[in-house]
Amino acid sequence: MPRTGQPLSVTMTNFGSLGWVTDKRDGYRYEPTHPETGSPWPEMPALLTELWQEVADYPALPEACLVNWYAPDSRMGMHVDWDEEATDAAVVSISLGDKARFRLGGQRRGGKTGSMVLSSGDVVVLGDEARSCYHGVDRIYPGTSTLLPPEAFPGGGRINLTMRRVKRA
């Protein structure tokens, strides 16, 4: 995390021409290569870009797909995705694995929020006004899916794929 250097509670990687990264020194940003290996991120799977074209209503393809693995005790605090220049493009999120409680608030921090339980296969599109709303994941429901094999994902958990357009079309 910027400022503190504390690790996030999720494990992450990326697909696409740009990957979202963060560290104490340089903060949140998009980079064309993995910060440790220097290798380009893997190409975004065609299935993901096809979904983007179906639901995002944007004239250009996503450049980044953040892949987060939420262990059973992982959380993602309330935040707004604002690191992109293309704030006119929706953020498209796909849930895989265990159920999670997703919280959505308003365009200012604090105040009333609503929540919904996301199941494996659910897709959330934050576009228009919702693009600038605070959101987060405050609970994983362990054991609600068998999608993630325990030998690769101890305790199961949830994978979230979040596609974003970084640069304006």
Foldseek 3Di string as FASTA:
>chain_A
DAPPQDDAQWDKDKAFQWEWDAGNPPGTAIDQADPPPRHGHHHDDPVVQVVCVVPWPAPDTFGMKMKIWHAQQHKWFWDAPDRAPPLQTKKKKAKAWFKWKKWWAALDPDDDIDIDIDDHGDMDIQHDRSNRIIMMTDGTDFPRGCRDPCVVRPRITMIMIITHHRYHD
